[in-house]
């Protein structure tokens, strides 16, 4: 009886890319906005790079804010 050994083909290691950016979710975007702009969140829309958050402030003003998905920075929407 003879035994034959065969080498298995090389297997590429599975490596998770460190370059993959982490992004915040809708809930986190709302929490960030509420800290900086107290009021009632009326609407949240997800865009490619940011969340658009509409807030009703206590003085009756409605403001639109953009929350960057990558870093969580908030900017007023100038639309």
PDB file of N, CA and C in Angstrom:
ATOM      1  N   UNK A   1       0.853  -1.170   0.000  1.00  0.00           N
ATOM      2  CA  UNK A   1       0.000   0.000   0.000  1.00  0.00           C
ATOM      3  C   UNK A   1       0.898   1.233   0.000  1.00  0.00           C
ATOM      4  N   UNK A   2       0.672   2.106  -0.941  1.00  0.00           N
ATOM      5  CA  UNK A   2       1.486   3.317  -0.987  1.00  0.00           C
ATOM      6  C   UNK A   2       0.653   4.524  -0.580  1.00  0.00           C
ATOM      7  N   UNK A   3       1.301   5.457   0.049  1.00  0.00           N
ATOM      8  CA  UNK A   3       0.626   6.666   0.501  1.00  0.00           C
ATOM      9  C   UNK A   3       1.143   7.845  -0.305  1.00  0.00           C
ATOM     10  N   UNK A   4       0.235   8.617  -0.839  1.00  0.00           N
ATOM     11  CA  UNK A   4       0.620   9.802  -1.602  1.00  0.00           C
ATOM     12  C   UNK A   4       0.206  11.045  -0.818  1.00  0.00           C
ATOM     13  N   UNK A   5       1.133  11.958  -0.731  1.00  0.00           N
ATOM     14  CA  UNK A   5       0.841  13.234  -0.071  1.00  0.00           C
ATOM     15  C   UNK A   5       0.761  14.320  -1.134  1.00  0.00           C
ATOM     16  N   UNK A   6      -0.259  15.102  -1.051  1.00  0.00           N
ATOM     17  CA  UNK A   6      -0.432  16.202  -1.988  1.00  0.00           C
ATOM     18  C   UNK A   6      -0.465  17.512  -1.211  1.00  0.00           C
ATOM     19  N   UNK A   7       0.175  18.502  -1.775  1.00  0.00           N
ATOM     20  CA  UNK A   7       0.167  19.822  -1.132  1.00  0.00           C
ATOM     21  C   UNK A   7      -1.130  20.538  -1.496  1.00  0.00           C
ATOM     22  N   UNK A   8      -1.740  21.116  -0.513  1.00  0.00           N
ATOM     23  CA  UNK A   8      -2.967  21.880  -0.746  1.00  0.00           C
ATOM     24  C   UNK A   8      -2.610  23.203  -1.410  1.00  0.00           C
ATOM     25  N   UNK A   9      -3.491  23.719  -2.239  1.00  0.00           N
ATOM     26  CA  UNK A   9      -3.203  25.022  -2.855  1.00  0.00           C
ATOM     27  C   UNK A   9      -3.107  26.096  -1.777  1.00  0.00           C
ATOM     28  N   UNK A  10      -2.286  27.107  -2.027  1.00  0.00           N
ATOM     29  CA  UNK A  10      -2.151  28.167  -1.011  1.00  0.00           C
ATOM     30  C   UNK A  10      -3.484  28.878  -0.786  1.00  0.00           C
ATOM     31  N   UNK A  11      -3.730  29.235   0.441  1.00  0.00           N
ATOM     32  CA  UNK A  11      -4.960  29.924   0.812  1.00  0.00           C
ATOM     33  C   UNK A  11      -4.605  31.334   1.250  1.00  0.00           C
ATOM     34  N   UNK A  12      -5.302  32.292   0.673  1.00  0.00           N
ATOM     35  CA  UNK A  12      -5.072  33.686   1.053  1.00  0.00           C
ATOM     36  C   UNK A  12      -5.629  33.934   2.450  1.00  0.00           C
ATOM     37  N   UNK A  13      -4.855  34.542   3.326  1.00  0.00           N
ATOM     38  CA  UNK A  13      -5.375  34.834   4.670  1.00  0.00           C
ATOM     39  C   UNK A  13      -6.479  35.883   4.604  1.00  0.00           C
ATOM     40  N   UNK A  14      -7.448  35.758   5.468  1.00  0.00           N
ATOM     41  CA  UNK A  14      -8.534  36.733   5.542  1.00  0.00           C
ATOM     42  C   UNK A  14      -8.087  37.848   6.469  1.00  0.00           C
ATOM     43  N   UNK A  15      -7.947  39.018   5.907  1.00  0.00           N
ATOM     44  CA  UNK A  15      -7.493  40.174   6.682  1.00  0.00           C
ATOM     45  C   UNK A  15      -8.544  41.260   6.556  1.00  0.00           C
ATOM     46  N   UNK A  16      -9.008  41.748   7.687  1.00  0.00           N
ATOM     47  CA  UNK A  16      -9.965  42.848   7.669  1.00  0.00           C
ATOM     48  C   UNK A  16      -9.202  44.136   7.427  1.00  0.00           C
ATOM     49  N   UNK A  17      -9.681  44.895   6.510  1.00  0.00           N
ATOM     50  CA  UNK A  17      -9.017  46.136   6.153  1.00  0.00           C
ATOM     51  C   UNK A  17      -9.201  47.186   7.241  1.00  0.00           C
ATOM     52  N   UNK A  18      -8.095  47.754   7.666  1.00  0.00           N
ATOM     53  CA  UNK A  18      -8.155  48.828   8.664  1.00  0.00           C
ATOM     54  C   UNK A  18      -8.621  50.125   8.012  1.00  0.00           C
ATOM     55  N   UNK A  19      -8.560  50.162   6.685  1.00  0.00           N
ATOM     56  CA  UNK A  19      -8.952  51.375   5.980  1.00  0.00           C
ATOM     57  C   UNK A  19     -10.469  51.533   5.896  1.00  0.00           C
ATOM     58  N   UNK A  20     -11.207  50.475   6.197  1.00  0.00           N
ATOM     59  CA  UNK A  20     -12.667  50.564   6.134  1.00  0.00           C
ATOM     60  C   UNK A  20     -13.135  51.571   7.180  1.00  0.00           C
ATOM     61  N   UNK A  21     -13.857  52.564   6.720  1.00  0.00           N
ATOM     62  CA  UNK A  21     -14.278  53.614   7.642  1.00  0.00           C
ATOM     63  C   UNK A  21     -15.483  53.163   8.461  1.00  0.00           C
ATOM     64  N   UNK A  22     -15.478  53.549   9.699  1.00  0.00           N
ATOM     65  CA  UNK A  22     -16.636  53.263  10.536  1.00  0.00           C
ATOM     66  C   UNK A  22     -17.577  54.441  10.418  1.00  0.00           C
ATOM     67  N   UNK A  23     -18.837  54.156  10.468  1.00  0.00           N
ATOM     68  CA  UNK A  23     -19.791  55.253  10.349  1.00  0.00           C
ATOM     69  C   UNK A  23     -20.804  55.186  11.479  1.00  0.00           C
ATOM     70  N   UNK A  24     -21.369  56.328  11.787  1.00  0.00           N
ATOM     71  CA  UNK A  24     -22.379  56.401  12.838  1.00  0.00           C
ATOM     72  C   UNK A  24     -23.733  56.033  12.250  1.00  0.00           C
ATOM     73  N   UNK A  25     -24.651  55.646  13.107  1.00  0.00           N
ATOM     74  CA  UNK A  25     -25.995  55.298  12.676  1.00  0.00           C
ATOM     75  C   UNK A  25     -26.973  56.432  12.941  1.00  0.00           C
ATOM     76  N   UNK A  26     -28.231  56.187  12.577  1.00  0.00           N
ATOM     77  CA  UNK A  26     -29.280  57.206  12.760  1.00  0.00           C
ATOM     78  C   UNK A  26     -29.432  57.609  14.216  1.00  0.00           C
ATOM     79  N   UNK A  27     -29.470  56.618  15.100  1.00  0.00           N
ATOM     80  CA  UNK A  27     -29.651  56.920  16.534  1.00  0.00           C
ATOM     81  C   UNK A  27     -28.522  57.783  17.065  1.00  0.00           C
ATOM     82  N   UNK A  28     -27.285  57.444  16.674  1.00  0.00           N
ATOM     83  CA  UNK A  28     -26.145  58.234  17.128  1.00  0.00           C
ATOM     84  C   UNK A  28     -26.225  59.658  16.585  1.00  0.00           C
ATOM     85  N   UNK A  29     -26.643  59.805  15.339  1.00  0.00           N
ATOM     86  CA  UNK A  29     -26.772  61.138  14.742  1.00  0.00           C
ATOM     87  C   UNK A  29     -27.775  61.974  15.525  1.00  0.00           C
ATOM     88  N   UNK A  30     -28.899  61.369  15.899  1.00  0.00           N
ATOM     89  CA  UNK A  30     -29.924  62.077  16.677  1.00  0.00           C
ATOM     90  C   UNK A  30     -29.374  62.473  18.044  1.00  0.00           C
ATOM     91  N   UNK A  31     -28.645  61.568  18.700  1.00  0.00           N
ATOM     92  CA  UNK A  31     -28.070  61.876  20.018  1.00  0.00           C
ATOM     93  C   UNK A  31     -27.094  63.039  19.934  1.00  0.00           C
ATOM     94  N   UNK A  32     -26.268  63.043  18.904  1.00  0.00           N
ATOM     95  CA  UNK A  32     -25.291  64.119  18.726  1.00  0.00           C
ATOM     96  C   UNK A  32     -26.005  65.452  18.526  1.00  0.00           C
ATOM     97  N   UNK A  33     -27.031  65.456  17.676  1.00  0.00           N
ATOM     98  CA  UNK A  33     -27.784  66.688  17.402  1.00  0.00           C
ATOM     99  C   UNK A  33     -28.454  67.207  18.666  1.00  0.00           C
ATOM    100  N   UNK A  34     -29.078  66.319  19.442  1.00  0.00           N
ATOM    101  CA  UNK A  34     -29.792  66.749  20.657  1.00  0.00           C
ATOM    102  C   UNK A  34     -28.862  67.391  21.679  1.00  0.00           C
ATOM    103  N   UNK A  35     -27.603  66.961  21.726  1.00  0.00           N
ATOM    104  CA  UNK A  35     -26.645  67.561  22.663  1.00  0.00           C
ATOM    105  C   UNK A  35     -26.343  69.004  22.273  1.00  0.00           C
ATOM    106  N   UNK A  36     -26.223  69.251  20.976  1.00  0.00           N
ATOM    107  CA  UNK A  36     -25.843  70.580  20.495  1.00  0.00           C
ATOM    108  C   UNK A  36     -27.037  71.493  20.222  1.00  0.00           C
ATOM    109  N   UNK A  37     -28.161  70.899  19.840  1.00  0.00           N
ATOM    110  CA  UNK A  37     -29.349  71.672  19.465  1.00  0.00           C
ATOM    111  C   UNK A  37     -30.579  71.070  20.134  1.00  0.00           C
ATOM    112  N   UNK A  38     -30.868  71.470  21.369  1.00  0.00           N
ATOM    113  CA  UNK A  38     -32.031  70.919  22.068  1.00  0.00           C
ATOM    114  C   UNK A  38     -33.323  71.213  21.310  1.00  0.00           C
ATOM    115  N   UNK A  39     -34.230  70.271  21.369  1.00  0.00           N
ATOM    116  CA  UNK A  39     -35.514  70.423  20.697  1.00  0.00           C
ATOM    117  C   UNK A  39     -36.055  69.065  20.293  1.00  0.00           C
ATOM    118  N   UNK A  40     -37.103  69.100  19.495  1.00  0.00           N
ATOM    119  CA  UNK A  40     -37.754  67.870  19.049  1.00  0.00           C
ATOM    120  C   UNK A  40     -37.279  67.529  17.638  1.00  0.00           C
ATOM    121  N   UNK A  41     -36.760  66.320  17.471  1.00  0.00           N
ATOM    122  CA  UNK A  41     -36.337  65.873  16.147  1.00  0.00           C
ATOM    123  C   UNK A  41     -37.586  65.513  15.352  1.00  0.00           C
ATOM    124  N   UNK A  42     -37.771  66.188  14.227  1.00  0.00           N
ATOM    125  CA  UNK A  42     -38.956  65.982  13.401  1.00  0.00           C
ATOM    126  C   UNK A  42     -38.743  64.927  12.321  1.00  0.00           C
ATOM    127  N   UNK A  43     -37.536  64.911  11.762  1.00  0.00           N
ATOM    128  CA  UNK A  43     -37.276  64.016  10.638  1.00  0.00           C
ATOM    129  C   UNK A  43     -35.786  63.727  10.532  1.00  0.00           C
ATOM    130  N   UNK A  44     -35.447  62.508  10.108  1.00  0.00           N
ATOM    131  CA  UNK A  44     -34.061  62.139   9.837  1.00  0.00           C
ATOM    132  C   UNK A  44     -34.030  61.452   8.477  1.00  0.00           C
ATOM    133  N   UNK A  45     -33.202  61.978   7.569  1.00  0.00           N
ATOM    134  CA  UNK A  45     -33.033  61.372   6.247  1.00  0.00           C
ATOM    135  C   UNK A  45     -31.581  60.948   6.091  1.00  0.00           C
ATOM    136  N   UNK A  46     -31.391  59.744   5.570  1.00  0.00           N
ATOM    137  CA  UNK A  46     -30.033  59.259   5.343  1.00  0.00           C
ATOM    138  C   UNK A  46     -29.599  59.597   3.924  1.00  0.00           C
ATOM    139  N   UNK A  47     -28.466  60.257   3.813  1.00  0.00           N
ATOM    140  CA  UNK A  47     -27.867  60.591   2.518  1.00  0.00           C
ATOM    141  C   UNK A  47     -26.587  59.770   2.375  1.00  0.00           C
ATOM    142  N   UNK A  48     -25.847  59.970   1.285  1.00  0.00           N
ATOM    143  CA  UNK A  48     -24.633  59.183   1.062  1.00  0.00           C
ATOM    144  C   UNK A  48     -23.585  59.382   2.154  1.00  0.00           C
ATOM    145  N   UNK A  49     -23.272  60.640   2.458  1.00  0.00           N
ATOM    146  CA  UNK A  49     -22.178  60.913   3.390  1.00  0.00           C
ATOM    147  C   UNK A  49     -22.626  61.495   4.723  1.00  0.00           C
ATOM    148  N   UNK A  50     -23.930  61.754   4.860  1.00  0.00           N
ATOM    149  CA  UNK A  50     -24.411  62.397   6.084  1.00  0.00           C
ATOM    150  C   UNK A  50     -25.875  62.055   6.347  1.00  0.00           C
ATOM    151  N   UNK A  51     -26.320  62.437   7.535  1.00  0.00           N
ATOM    152  CA  UNK A  51     -27.741  62.378   7.879  1.00  0.00           C
ATOM    153  C   UNK A  51     -28.262  63.807   7.887  1.00  0.00           C
ATOM    154  N   UNK A  52     -29.437  64.011   7.345  1.00  0.00           N
ATOM    155  CA  UNK A  52     -30.094  65.319   7.389  1.00  0.00           C
ATOM    156  C   UNK A  52     -31.123  65.231   8.507  1.00  0.00           C
ATOM    157  N   UNK A  53     -30.976  66.084   9.526  1.00  0.00           N
ATOM    158  CA  UNK A  53     -31.837  66.035  10.708  1.00  0.00           C
ATOM    159  C   UNK A  53     -32.584  67.359  10.830  1.00  0.00           C
ATOM    160  N   UNK A  54     -33.902  67.293  10.912  1.00  0.00           N
ATOM    161  CA  UNK A  54     -34.743  68.489  11.080  1.00  0.00           C
ATOM    162  C   UNK A  54     -35.174  68.558  12.540  1.00  0.00           C
ATOM    163  N   UNK A  55     -34.945  69.727  13.166  1.00  0.00           N
ATOM    164  CA  UNK A  55     -35.215  69.909  14.593  1.00  0.00           C
ATOM    165  C   UNK A  55     -36.142  71.102  14.808  1.00  0.00           C
ATOM    166  N   UNK A  56     -37.159  70.904  15.647  1.00  0.00           N
ATOM    167  CA  UNK A  56     -38.031  71.991  16.095  1.00  0.00           C
ATOM    168  C   UNK A  56     -37.499  72.450  17.443  1.00  0.00           C
ATOM    169  N   UNK A  57     -36.994  73.687  17.481  1.00  0.00           N
ATOM    170  CA  UNK A  57     -36.437  74.222  18.717  1.00  0.00           C
ATOM    171  C   UNK A  57     -37.541  74.810  19.582  1.00  0.00           C
ATOM    172  N   UNK A  58     -37.236  75.016  20.860  1.00  0.00           N
ATOM    173  CA  UNK A  58     -38.240  75.488  21.820  1.00  0.00           C
ATOM    174  C   UNK A  58     -38.797  76.866  21.462  1.00  0.00           C
ATOM    175  N   UNK A  59     -38.029  77.679  20.741  1.00  0.00           N
ATOM    176  CA  UNK A  59     -38.499  79.009  20.341  1.00  0.00           C
ATOM    177  C   UNK A  59     -39.427  78.937  19.128  1.00  0.00           C
ATOM    178  N   UNK A  60     -39.654  77.737  18.605  1.00  0.00           N
ATOM    179  CA  UNK A  60     -40.527  77.580  17.449  1.00  0.00           C
ATOM    180  C   UNK A  60     -39.804  77.560  16.114  1.00  0.00           C
ATOM    181  N   UNK A  61     -38.478  77.719  16.142  1.00  0.00           N
ATOM    182  CA  UNK A  61     -37.702  77.689  14.901  1.00  0.00           C
ATOM    183  C   UNK A  61     -37.452  76.247  14.472  1.00  0.00           C
ATOM    184  N   UNK A  62     -37.537  76.006  13.173  1.00  0.00           N
ATOM    185  CA  UNK A  62     -37.188  74.701  12.615  1.00  0.00           C
ATOM    186  C   UNK A  62     -35.850  74.857  11.908  1.00  0.00           C
ATOM    187  N   UNK A  63     -34.892  74.008  12.272  1.00  0.00           N
ATOM    188  CA  UNK A  63     -33.576  74.063  11.633  1.00  0.00           C
ATOM    189  C   UNK A  63     -33.252  72.705  11.026  1.00  0.00           C
ATOM    190  N   UNK A  64     -32.502  72.752   9.917  1.00  0.00           N
ATOM    191  CA  UNK A  64     -32.015  71.541   9.268  1.00  0.00           C
ATOM    192  C   UNK A  64     -30.519  71.443   9.505  1.00  0.00           C
ATOM    193  N   UNK A  65     -30.085  70.268   9.921  1.00  0.00           N
ATOM    194  CA  UNK A  65     -28.682  70.037  10.230  1.00  0.00           C
ATOM    195  C   UNK A  65     -28.175  68.835   9.452  1.00  0.00           C
ATOM    196  N   UNK A  66     -26.894  68.861   9.117  1.00  0.00           N
ATOM    197  CA  UNK A  66     -26.243  67.726   8.479  1.00  0.00           C
ATOM    198  C   UNK A  66     -25.248  67.129   9.460  1.00  0.00           C
ATOM    199  N   UNK A  67     -25.333  65.818   9.675  1.00  0.00           N
ATOM    200  CA  UNK A  67     -24.407  65.119  10.564  1.00  0.00           C
ATOM    201  C   UNK A  67     -23.552  64.200   9.703  1.00  0.00           C
ATOM    202  N   UNK A  68     -22.258  64.459   9.684  1.00  0.00           N
ATOM    203  CA  UNK A  68     -21.325  63.654   8.906  1.00  0.00           C
ATOM    204  C   UNK A  68     -21.316  62.222   9.428  1.00  0.00           C
ATOM    205  N   UNK A  69     -21.478  61.240   8.546  1.00  0.00           N
ATOM    206  CA  UNK A  69     -21.541  59.832   8.959  1.00  0.00           C
ATOM    207  C   UNK A  69     -20.213  59.320   9.500  1.00  0.00           C
ATOM    208  N   UNK A  70     -19.115  59.881   9.029  1.00  0.00           N
ATOM    209  CA  UNK A  70     -17.808  59.381   9.431  1.00  0.00           C
ATOM    210  C   UNK A  70     -17.347  59.929  10.769  1.00  0.00           C
ATOM    211  N   UNK A  71     -17.428  61.253  10.938  1.00  0.00           N
ATOM    212  CA  UNK A  71     -16.870  61.853  12.153  1.00  0.00           C
ATOM    213  C   UNK A  71     -17.912  62.426  13.111  1.00  0.00           C
ATOM    214  N   UNK A  72     -19.190  62.454  12.719  1.00  0.00           N
ATOM    215  CA  UNK A  72     -20.238  62.938  13.607  1.00  0.00           C
ATOM    216  C   UNK A  72     -20.325  64.448  13.739  1.00  0.00           C
ATOM    217  N   UNK A  73     -19.590  65.186  12.913  1.00  0.00           N
ATOM    218  CA  UNK A  73     -19.630  66.652  12.988  1.00  0.00           C
ATOM    219  C   UNK A  73     -20.963  67.163  12.457  1.00  0.00           C
ATOM    220  N   UNK A  74     -21.473  68.194  13.131  1.00  0.00           N
ATOM    221  CA  UNK A  74     -22.777  68.764  12.788  1.00  0.00           C
ATOM    222  C   UNK A  74     -22.578  70.124  12.124  1.00  0.00           C
ATOM    223  N   UNK A  75     -23.267  70.314  11.001  1.00  0.00           N
ATOM    224  CA  UNK A  75     -23.248  71.607  10.306  1.00  0.00           C
ATOM    225  C   UNK A  75     -24.677  71.979   9.967  1.00  0.00           C
ATOM    226  N   UNK A  76     -24.958  73.286  10.021  1.00  0.00           N
ATOM    227  CA  UNK A  76     -26.284  73.761   9.609  1.00  0.00           C
ATOM    228  C   UNK A  76     -26.414  73.595   8.105  1.00  0.00           C
ATOM    229  N   UNK A  77     -27.592  73.151   7.686  1.00  0.00           N
ATOM    230  CA  UNK A  77     -27.880  72.974   6.267  1.00  0.00           C
ATOM    231  C   UNK A  77     -28.268  74.321   5.688  1.00  0.00           C
ATOM    232  N   UNK A  78     -27.650  74.700   4.593  1.00  0.00           N
ATOM    233  CA  UNK A  78     -27.913  76.008   3.981  1.00  0.00           C
ATOM    234  C   UNK A  78     -28.813  75.918   2.761  1.00  0.00           C
ATOM    235  N   UNK A  79     -29.638  74.889   2.661  1.00  0.00           N
ATOM    236  CA  UNK A  79     -30.551  74.757   1.506  1.00  0.00           C
ATOM    237  C   UNK A  79     -31.612  75.812   1.535  1.00  0.00           C
TER     238      UNK A  79
END
